[in-house]
Amino acid sequence: FSLLVYAPLAHWSWHPDGFLFKMGALDFAGGTVVHISAGCAALAGALVLKRRKVHIENREIPPANVPYVLIGTGLLWFGWFGFNPGSTGAAVGKWELIGKVTSNTFLASAMGGISTMIYTQLRHKTVDITMVINGILAGLVAVTAGCNVVSPNAALLIGLVAGVLV
């Protein structure tokens, strides 16, 4: 995986001789290299391993420990605010964008959680906190690659769509 998938993507996106780099593609916070390669790997794994037995039998697996899931999500969410704004200065070199990046990161993730909460309430007549967490994470992932170039309104829309889709 590292040699055949990650290395070519990293070269194409980050190296001055890479064709995506030459085309002017800006891989902000590793959105292309990290997230696309991980997503493709997850898809390949799912295709090879097939559906889990519990899904075939239509059984639901409850989360093992919801408080730990909440703590983990809080830590991840907090860390994301170091990751996105940190990428602004370290990778892009545009420190003046930190406020915009931080705001967009927050707006998309919060809207992802809110839209998931509203959607699950309307569809299932109950709010599942683990689904709200998934909405927050979906908003974070969806906005990361473009949080330095989108407007706050676009960040809200990105979070809304990601939250409902998840």
N, C-alpha and C. Protein backbone atom coordinates (compact mmCIF):
# COMPACT_ATOMS: atom_id res chain seq x y z
N PHE A 1 0.83 -1.20 0.00
CA PHE A 1 0.00 0.00 0.00
C PHE A 1 0.87 1.25 0.00
N SER A 2 1.85 1.29 0.89
CA SER A 2 2.71 2.46 0.97
C SER A 2 3.43 2.73 -0.34
N LEU A 3 3.90 1.67 -0.97
CA LEU A 3 4.67 1.81 -2.20
C LEU A 3 3.78 2.05 -3.42
N LEU A 4 2.71 1.28 -3.53
CA LEU A 4 1.89 1.33 -4.74
C LEU A 4 0.79 2.39 -4.74
N VAL A 5 0.33 2.79 -3.57
CA VAL A 5 -0.78 3.75 -3.50
C VAL A 5 -0.33 5.09 -2.92
N TYR A 6 0.17 5.06 -1.69
CA TYR A 6 0.48 6.30 -0.99
C TYR A 6 1.62 7.07 -1.65
N ALA A 7 2.71 6.40 -1.97
CA ALA A 7 3.88 7.08 -2.53
C ALA A 7 3.57 7.80 -3.85
N PRO A 8 2.88 7.15 -4.81
CA PRO A 8 2.56 7.89 -6.03
C PRO A 8 1.64 9.10 -5.78
N LEU A 9 0.64 8.93 -4.92
CA LEU A 9 -0.24 10.06 -4.60
C LEU A 9 0.53 11.20 -3.96
N ALA A 10 1.42 10.86 -3.02
CA ALA A 10 2.23 11.89 -2.35
C ALA A 10 3.12 12.60 -3.36
N HIS A 11 3.74 11.85 -4.26
CA HIS A 11 4.61 12.45 -5.27
C HIS A 11 3.80 13.37 -6.20
N TRP A 12 2.68 12.88 -6.68
CA TRP A 12 1.85 13.67 -7.60
C TRP A 12 1.40 14.97 -6.96
N SER A 13 1.10 14.93 -5.67
CA SER A 13 0.50 16.09 -5.01
C SER A 13 1.51 17.04 -4.37
N TRP A 14 2.59 16.51 -3.80
CA TRP A 14 3.47 17.33 -2.99
C TRP A 14 4.82 17.64 -3.61
N HIS A 15 5.29 16.82 -4.51
CA HIS A 15 6.62 17.04 -5.09
C HIS A 15 6.53 18.08 -6.22
N PRO A 16 7.49 18.99 -6.32
CA PRO A 16 7.45 20.00 -7.39
C PRO A 16 7.37 19.42 -8.80
N ASP A 17 7.82 18.17 -9.00
CA ASP A 17 7.71 17.53 -10.31
C ASP A 17 6.41 16.73 -10.48
N GLY A 18 5.60 16.64 -9.45
CA GLY A 18 4.35 15.90 -9.53
C GLY A 18 3.35 16.59 -10.44
N PHE A 19 2.60 15.79 -11.22
CA PHE A 19 1.71 16.41 -12.21
C PHE A 19 0.56 17.19 -11.56
N LEU A 20 0.05 16.74 -10.42
CA LEU A 20 -1.00 17.51 -9.74
C LEU A 20 -0.44 18.82 -9.18
N PHE A 21 0.78 18.74 -8.63
CA PHE A 21 1.45 19.95 -8.11
C PHE A 21 1.67 20.95 -9.24
N LYS A 22 2.12 20.46 -10.40
CA LYS A 22 2.37 21.33 -11.54
C LYS A 22 1.08 21.96 -12.07
N MET A 23 -0.03 21.25 -11.92
CA MET A 23 -1.32 21.78 -12.37
C MET A 23 -1.85 22.84 -11.41
N GLY A 24 -1.18 23.01 -10.26
CA GLY A 24 -1.60 24.02 -9.30
C GLY A 24 -2.52 23.48 -8.21
N ALA A 25 -2.67 22.16 -8.13
CA ALA A 25 -3.52 21.57 -7.10
C ALA A 25 -2.88 21.81 -5.73
N LEU A 26 -3.67 22.28 -4.80
CA LEU A 26 -3.20 22.51 -3.44
C LEU A 26 -3.81 21.45 -2.55
N ASP A 27 -2.99 20.57 -2.04
CA ASP A 27 -3.47 19.49 -1.18
C ASP A 27 -3.42 20.00 0.25
N PHE A 28 -4.42 20.78 0.61
CA PHE A 28 -4.44 21.38 1.94
C PHE A 28 -4.69 20.31 2.99
N ALA A 29 -3.83 20.26 3.99
CA ALA A 29 -3.94 19.36 5.14
C ALA A 29 -3.99 17.89 4.73
N GLY A 30 -3.40 17.55 3.60
CA GLY A 30 -3.35 16.15 3.19
C GLY A 30 -4.67 15.59 2.71
N GLY A 31 -5.60 16.45 2.35
CA GLY A 31 -6.93 15.99 1.96
C GLY A 31 -6.92 15.01 0.81
N THR A 32 -6.06 15.22 -0.17
CA THR A 32 -6.00 14.31 -1.30
C THR A 32 -5.22 13.06 -0.95
N VAL A 33 -3.99 13.25 -0.56
CA VAL A 33 -3.11 12.11 -0.35
C VAL A 33 -3.61 11.20 0.77
N VAL A 34 -3.88 11.76 1.92
CA VAL A 34 -4.24 10.95 3.08
C VAL A 34 -5.67 10.42 2.97
N HIS A 35 -6.62 11.30 2.75
CA HIS A 35 -8.01 10.88 2.80
C HIS A 35 -8.44 10.06 1.59
N ILE A 36 -7.99 10.42 0.41
CA ILE A 36 -8.38 9.64 -0.76
C ILE A 36 -7.71 8.27 -0.73
N SER A 37 -6.45 8.21 -0.36
CA SER A 37 -5.79 6.90 -0.31
C SER A 37 -6.41 6.02 0.77
N ALA A 38 -6.73 6.61 1.92
CA ALA A 38 -7.37 5.83 2.99
C ALA A 38 -8.77 5.38 2.58
N GLY A 39 -9.51 6.26 1.91
CA GLY A 39 -10.84 5.90 1.45
C GLY A 39 -10.81 4.79 0.42
N CYS A 40 -9.87 4.86 -0.50
CA CYS A 40 -9.73 3.79 -1.51
C CYS A 40 -9.31 2.48 -0.85
N ALA A 41 -8.44 2.56 0.13
CA ALA A 41 -8.03 1.35 0.85
C ALA A 41 -9.21 0.74 1.61
N ALA A 42 -10.01 1.58 2.23
CA ALA A 42 -11.19 1.09 2.94
C ALA A 42 -12.18 0.45 1.98
N LEU A 43 -12.38 1.06 0.82
CA LEU A 43 -13.28 0.48 -0.18
C LEU A 43 -12.75 -0.86 -0.67
N ALA A 44 -11.45 -0.94 -0.94
CA ALA A 44 -10.87 -2.21 -1.38
C ALA A 44 -11.03 -3.28 -0.30
N GLY A 45 -10.79 -2.91 0.95
CA GLY A 45 -10.97 -3.86 2.05
C GLY A 45 -12.41 -4.33 2.16
N ALA A 46 -13.36 -3.41 2.01
CA ALA A 46 -14.77 -3.78 2.09
C ALA A 46 -15.17 -4.69 0.94
N LEU A 47 -14.63 -4.45 -0.24
CA LEU A 47 -14.95 -5.30 -1.39
C LEU A 47 -14.38 -6.71 -1.22
N VAL A 48 -13.18 -6.79 -0.65
CA VAL A 48 -12.55 -8.09 -0.46
C VAL A 48 -13.21 -8.86 0.69
N LEU A 49 -13.46 -8.18 1.80
CA LEU A 49 -13.98 -8.87 2.99
C LEU A 49 -15.49 -9.11 2.95
N LYS A 50 -16.19 -8.40 2.10
CA LYS A 50 -17.66 -8.51 1.96
C LYS A 50 -18.37 -8.00 3.21
N ARG A 51 -19.69 -8.14 3.22
CA ARG A 51 -20.49 -7.65 4.35
C ARG A 51 -20.25 -8.49 5.59
N ARG A 52 -20.35 -7.83 6.74
CA ARG A 52 -20.20 -8.56 8.00
C ARG A 52 -21.42 -9.44 8.24
N LYS A 53 -21.22 -10.50 8.98
CA LYS A 53 -22.29 -11.46 9.26
C LYS A 53 -23.48 -10.77 9.93
N VAL A 54 -23.22 -9.83 10.83
CA VAL A 54 -24.32 -9.16 11.53
C VAL A 54 -25.17 -8.34 10.58
N HIS A 55 -24.57 -7.80 9.52
CA HIS A 55 -25.35 -7.05 8.54
C HIS A 55 -26.21 -7.99 7.70
N ILE A 56 -25.66 -9.12 7.35
CA ILE A 56 -26.42 -10.11 6.57
C ILE A 56 -27.62 -10.59 7.39
N GLU A 57 -27.41 -10.79 8.67
CA GLU A 57 -28.48 -11.25 9.56
C GLU A 57 -29.37 -10.10 10.04
N ASN A 58 -29.06 -8.88 9.61
CA ASN A 58 -29.84 -7.69 9.96
C ASN A 58 -29.86 -7.42 11.47
N ARG A 59 -28.74 -7.70 12.14
CA ARG A 59 -28.61 -7.41 13.57
C ARG A 59 -27.86 -6.10 13.75
N GLU A 60 -28.20 -5.37 14.80
CA GLU A 60 -27.52 -4.12 15.09
C GLU A 60 -26.55 -4.33 16.24
N ILE A 61 -25.37 -3.74 16.11
CA ILE A 61 -24.36 -3.84 17.16
C ILE A 61 -24.32 -2.51 17.89
N PRO A 62 -24.70 -2.47 19.15
CA PRO A 62 -24.64 -1.20 19.88
C PRO A 62 -23.18 -0.82 20.18
N PRO A 63 -22.91 0.47 20.31
CA PRO A 63 -21.54 0.87 20.66
C PRO A 63 -21.15 0.29 22.02
N ALA A 64 -19.90 -0.05 22.16
CA ALA A 64 -19.43 -0.71 23.38
C ALA A 64 -19.50 0.22 24.59
N ASN A 65 -19.06 1.45 24.44
CA ASN A 65 -18.99 2.37 25.58
C ASN A 65 -19.16 3.80 25.08
N VAL A 66 -20.39 4.30 25.11
CA VAL A 66 -20.71 5.62 24.57
C VAL A 66 -19.90 6.74 25.23
N PRO A 67 -19.71 6.75 26.56
CA PRO A 67 -18.87 7.82 27.12
C PRO A 67 -17.46 7.85 26.54
N TYR A 68 -16.87 6.68 26.29
CA TYR A 68 -15.54 6.65 25.68
C TYR A 68 -15.59 7.17 24.25
N VAL A 69 -16.66 6.86 23.53
CA VAL A 69 -16.83 7.36 22.18
C VAL A 69 -16.92 8.89 22.20
N LEU A 70 -17.65 9.44 23.15
CA LEU A 70 -17.77 10.89 23.29
C LEU A 70 -16.42 11.53 23.64
N ILE A 71 -15.69 10.93 24.55
CA ILE A 71 -14.37 11.45 24.92
C ILE A 71 -13.43 11.42 23.72
N GLY A 72 -13.43 10.30 23.02
CA GLY A 72 -12.58 10.17 21.84
C GLY A 72 -12.93 11.18 20.77
N THR A 73 -14.21 11.40 20.56
CA THR A 73 -14.65 12.39 19.57
C THR A 73 -14.23 13.79 20.00
N GLY A 74 -14.38 14.11 21.27
CA GLY A 74 -13.95 15.42 21.76
C GLY A 74 -12.46 15.64 21.55
N LEU A 75 -11.67 14.62 21.83
CA LEU A 75 -10.22 14.74 21.62
C LEU A 75 -9.88 14.89 20.14
N LEU A 76 -10.56 14.12 19.30
CA LEU A 76 -10.33 14.21 17.87
C LEU A 76 -10.73 15.58 17.33
N TRP A 77 -11.89 16.06 17.77
CA TRP A 77 -12.38 17.37 17.34
C TRP A 77 -11.40 18.47 17.77
N PHE A 78 -10.96 18.40 19.01
CA PHE A 78 -9.99 19.37 19.51
C PHE A 78 -8.69 19.31 18.69
N GLY A 79 -8.21 18.12 18.44
CA GLY A 79 -6.98 17.95 17.67
C GLY A 79 -7.10 18.48 16.25
N TRP A 80 -8.29 18.36 15.68
CA TRP A 80 -8.50 18.84 14.32
C TRP A 80 -8.27 20.34 14.22
N PHE A 81 -8.52 21.06 15.34
CA PHE A 81 -8.29 22.49 15.34
C PHE A 81 -6.81 22.83 15.41
N GLY A 82 -5.97 21.89 15.78
CA GLY A 82 -4.53 22.08 15.65
C GLY A 82 -4.07 21.70 14.25
N PHE A 83 -4.74 20.71 13.69
CA PHE A 83 -4.36 20.17 12.39
C PHE A 83 -4.66 21.16 11.25
N ASN A 84 -5.90 21.58 11.13
CA ASN A 84 -6.25 22.47 10.01
C ASN A 84 -5.56 23.83 10.12
N PRO A 85 -5.70 24.56 11.22
CA PRO A 85 -4.99 25.84 11.29
C PRO A 85 -3.47 25.67 11.26
N GLY A 86 -2.96 24.59 11.84
CA GLY A 86 -1.52 24.35 11.79
C GLY A 86 -1.03 24.14 10.37
N SER A 87 -1.85 23.48 9.55
CA SER A 87 -1.48 23.29 8.14
C SER A 87 -1.47 24.61 7.39
N THR A 88 -2.27 25.54 7.84
CA THR A 88 -2.33 26.84 7.18
C THR A 88 -0.97 27.54 7.23
N GLY A 89 -0.37 27.55 8.40
CA GLY A 89 0.91 28.24 8.52
C GLY A 89 2.08 27.38 8.07
N ALA A 90 2.06 26.12 8.48
CA ALA A 90 3.22 25.27 8.23
C ALA A 90 3.32 24.86 6.76
N ALA A 91 2.23 24.45 6.16
CA ALA A 91 2.29 23.94 4.80
C ALA A 91 2.06 25.02 3.75
N VAL A 92 1.07 25.85 3.97
CA VAL A 92 0.69 26.84 2.98
C VAL A 92 1.45 28.14 3.17
N GLY A 93 1.83 28.45 4.42
CA GLY A 93 2.58 29.66 4.70
C GLY A 93 1.74 30.92 4.72
N LYS A 94 0.43 30.75 4.87
CA LYS A 94 -0.46 31.91 4.89
C LYS A 94 -1.13 32.00 6.25
N TRP A 95 -0.41 32.55 7.20
CA TRP A 95 -0.90 32.64 8.58
C TRP A 95 -2.16 33.50 8.69
N GLU A 96 -2.36 34.42 7.76
CA GLU A 96 -3.53 35.29 7.84
C GLU A 96 -4.85 34.53 7.61
N LEU A 97 -4.76 33.31 7.12
CA LEU A 97 -5.97 32.51 6.88
C LEU A 97 -6.41 31.68 8.09
N ILE A 98 -5.65 31.74 9.18
CA ILE A 98 -5.96 30.88 10.32
C ILE A 98 -7.37 31.10 10.86
N GLY A 99 -7.81 32.34 10.95
CA GLY A 99 -9.15 32.61 11.44
C GLY A 99 -10.22 31.99 10.55
N LYS A 100 -10.04 32.15 9.24
CA LYS A 100 -10.99 31.58 8.29
C LYS A 100 -11.00 30.06 8.36
N VAL A 101 -9.82 29.47 8.42
CA VAL A 101 -9.70 28.01 8.48
C VAL A 101 -10.34 27.48 9.76
N THR A 102 -10.06 28.13 10.88
CA THR A 102 -10.62 27.70 12.16
C THR A 102 -12.14 27.82 12.15
N SER A 103 -12.64 28.94 11.66
CA SER A 103 -14.09 29.14 11.60
C SER A 103 -14.75 28.11 10.70
N ASN A 104 -14.20 27.90 9.52
CA ASN A 104 -14.78 26.94 8.59
C ASN A 104 -14.75 25.52 9.14
N THR A 105 -13.67 25.18 9.84
CA THR A 105 -13.58 23.86 10.46
C THR A 105 -14.69 23.69 11.49
N PHE A 106 -14.88 24.70 12.32
CA PHE A 106 -15.92 24.62 13.34
C PHE A 106 -17.32 24.60 12.72
N LEU A 107 -17.57 25.51 11.79
CA LEU A 107 -18.91 25.61 11.21
C LEU A 107 -19.33 24.32 10.51
N ALA A 108 -18.44 23.74 9.72
CA ALA A 108 -18.80 22.51 9.00
C ALA A 108 -19.03 21.34 9.95
N SER A 109 -18.17 21.21 10.97
CA SER A 109 -18.33 20.09 11.89
C SER A 109 -19.58 20.25 12.74
N ALA A 110 -19.84 21.46 13.21
CA ALA A 110 -21.05 21.70 14.00
C ALA A 110 -22.31 21.48 13.17
N MET A 111 -22.30 21.98 11.94
CA MET A 111 -23.46 21.78 11.07
C MET A 111 -23.62 20.31 10.70
N GLY A 112 -22.52 19.58 10.57
CA GLY A 112 -22.61 18.14 10.31
C GLY A 112 -23.34 17.44 11.45
N GLY A 113 -22.99 17.79 12.68
CA GLY A 113 -23.67 17.19 13.84
C GLY A 113 -25.12 17.60 13.94
N ILE A 114 -25.39 18.88 13.70
CA ILE A 114 -26.77 19.38 13.79
C ILE A 114 -27.65 18.77 12.70
N SER A 115 -27.14 18.73 11.47
CA SER A 115 -27.96 18.18 10.39
C SER A 115 -28.22 16.69 10.58
N THR A 116 -27.24 15.97 11.11
CA THR A 116 -27.44 14.55 11.40
C THR A 116 -28.49 14.39 12.49
N MET A 117 -28.43 15.23 13.51
CA MET A 117 -29.40 15.17 14.60
C MET A 117 -30.82 15.41 14.08
N ILE A 118 -30.98 16.44 13.26
CA ILE A 118 -32.31 16.75 12.73
C ILE A 118 -32.79 15.64 11.80
N TYR A 119 -31.90 15.16 10.95
CA TYR A 119 -32.28 14.10 10.01
C TYR A 119 -32.72 12.82 10.75
N THR A 120 -31.94 12.40 11.75
CA THR A 120 -32.30 11.17 12.48
C THR A 120 -33.58 11.37 13.28
N GLN A 121 -33.81 12.58 13.79
CA GLN A 121 -35.06 12.86 14.51
C GLN A 121 -36.25 12.75 13.56
N LEU A 122 -36.12 13.32 12.37
CA LEU A 122 -37.22 13.28 11.41
C LEU A 122 -37.45 11.88 10.86
N ARG A 123 -36.37 11.16 10.59
CA ARG A 123 -36.51 9.84 9.95
C ARG A 123 -36.83 8.73 10.95
N HIS A 124 -36.16 8.74 12.11
CA HIS A 124 -36.29 7.63 13.06
C HIS A 124 -37.04 8.02 14.33
N LYS A 125 -37.45 9.27 14.44
CA LYS A 125 -38.18 9.77 15.61
C LYS A 125 -37.39 9.68 16.91
N THR A 126 -36.08 9.65 16.79
CA THR A 126 -35.20 9.64 17.95
C THR A 126 -33.84 10.18 17.53
N VAL A 127 -33.09 10.69 18.49
CA VAL A 127 -31.74 11.18 18.20
C VAL A 127 -30.75 10.20 18.81
N ASP A 128 -29.85 9.70 17.98
CA ASP A 128 -28.82 8.77 18.42
C ASP A 128 -27.51 9.55 18.51
N ILE A 129 -26.95 9.66 19.70
CA ILE A 129 -25.73 10.46 19.89
C ILE A 129 -24.57 9.93 19.05
N THR A 130 -24.52 8.63 18.81
CA THR A 130 -23.42 8.10 17.99
C THR A 130 -23.57 8.55 16.53
N MET A 131 -24.80 8.73 16.08
CA MET A 131 -25.00 9.26 14.73
C MET A 131 -24.62 10.74 14.67
N VAL A 132 -24.91 11.49 15.72
CA VAL A 132 -24.52 12.90 15.78
C VAL A 132 -23.00 13.00 15.71
N ILE A 133 -22.32 12.12 16.41
CA ILE A 133 -20.86 12.08 16.37
C ILE A 133 -20.37 11.81 14.96
N ASN A 134 -21.02 10.86 14.27
CA ASN A 134 -20.64 10.59 12.88
C ASN A 134 -20.85 11.82 12.00
N GLY A 135 -21.90 12.58 12.27
CA GLY A 135 -22.14 13.81 11.53
C GLY A 135 -21.05 14.85 11.76
N ILE A 136 -20.61 14.98 13.01
CA ILE A 136 -19.52 15.90 13.33
C ILE A 136 -18.26 15.50 12.57
N LEU A 137 -17.93 14.22 12.62
CA LEU A 137 -16.73 13.74 11.94
C LEU A 137 -16.85 13.89 10.42
N ALA A 138 -18.05 13.64 9.89
CA ALA A 138 -18.25 13.81 8.45
C ALA A 138 -18.03 15.27 8.05
N GLY A 139 -18.52 16.20 8.86
CA GLY A 139 -18.30 17.61 8.58
C GLY A 139 -16.83 17.98 8.61
N LEU A 140 -16.11 17.43 9.57
CA LEU A 140 -14.66 17.68 9.65
C LEU A 140 -13.93 17.18 8.42
N VAL A 141 -14.21 15.95 8.05
CA VAL A 141 -13.53 15.35 6.90
C VAL A 141 -13.90 16.09 5.61
N ALA A 142 -15.18 16.41 5.47
CA ALA A 142 -15.63 17.03 4.22
C ALA A 142 -15.05 18.42 4.00
N VAL A 143 -14.83 19.18 5.05
CA VAL A 143 -14.37 20.56 4.87
C VAL A 143 -12.85 20.69 4.87
N THR A 144 -12.14 19.71 5.37
CA THR A 144 -10.70 19.86 5.56
C THR A 144 -9.95 20.25 4.30
N ALA A 145 -10.19 19.58 3.20
CA ALA A 145 -9.40 19.85 1.99
C ALA A 145 -9.60 21.26 1.47
N GLY A 146 -10.75 21.86 1.71
CA GLY A 146 -11.00 23.18 1.16
C GLY A 146 -11.26 24.26 2.17
N CYS A 147 -10.96 24.00 3.44
CA CYS A 147 -11.34 24.98 4.47
C CYS A 147 -10.57 26.29 4.36
N ASN A 148 -9.52 26.31 3.60
CA ASN A 148 -8.78 27.56 3.42
C ASN A 148 -9.29 28.40 2.26
N VAL A 149 -10.17 27.84 1.43
CA VAL A 149 -10.64 28.58 0.26
C VAL A 149 -12.15 28.79 0.22
N VAL A 150 -12.93 28.04 1.00
CA VAL A 150 -14.38 28.20 0.96
C VAL A 150 -14.83 29.30 1.91
N SER A 151 -16.00 29.83 1.65
CA SER A 151 -16.58 30.85 2.53
C SER A 151 -17.23 30.18 3.73
N PRO A 152 -17.51 30.92 4.79
CA PRO A 152 -18.21 30.33 5.93
C PRO A 152 -19.58 29.75 5.55
N ASN A 153 -20.30 30.41 4.63
CA ASN A 153 -21.58 29.86 4.18
C ASN A 153 -21.39 28.53 3.47
N ALA A 154 -20.34 28.44 2.65
CA ALA A 154 -20.05 27.18 1.97
C ALA A 154 -19.67 26.10 2.98
N ALA A 155 -18.94 26.48 4.03
CA ALA A 155 -18.58 25.51 5.07
C ALA A 155 -19.83 24.97 5.75
N LEU A 156 -20.81 25.85 6.00
CA LEU A 156 -22.07 25.39 6.58
C LEU A 156 -22.78 24.42 5.64
N LEU A 157 -22.80 24.72 4.37
CA LEU A 157 -23.44 23.84 3.39
C LEU A 157 -22.71 22.50 3.29
N ILE A 158 -21.39 22.54 3.31
CA ILE A 158 -20.59 21.31 3.27
C ILE A 158 -20.92 20.45 4.48
N GLY A 159 -20.97 21.04 5.65
CA GLY A 159 -21.32 20.30 6.86
C GLY A 159 -22.73 19.74 6.82
N LEU A 160 -23.67 20.53 6.30
CA LEU A 160 -25.05 20.08 6.20
C LEU A 160 -25.17 18.85 5.31
N VAL A 161 -24.57 18.92 4.14
CA VAL A 161 -24.64 17.80 3.19
C VAL A 161 -23.92 16.59 3.75
N ALA A 162 -22.73 16.78 4.31
CA ALA A 162 -21.98 15.65 4.88
C ALA A 162 -22.73 15.00 6.02
N GLY A 163 -23.35 15.81 6.87
CA GLY A 163 -24.10 15.27 8.01
C GLY A 163 -25.29 14.43 7.58
N VAL A 164 -26.01 14.89 6.56
CA VAL A 164 -27.17 14.13 6.08
C VAL A 164 -26.72 12.87 5.35
N LEU A 165 -25.66 12.99 4.55
CA LEU A 165 -25.20 11.82 3.80
C LEU A 165 -24.67 10.71 4.71
N VAL A 166 -24.01 11.09 5.81
CA VAL A 166 -23.44 10.07 6.68
C VAL A 166 -24.55 9.29 7.36
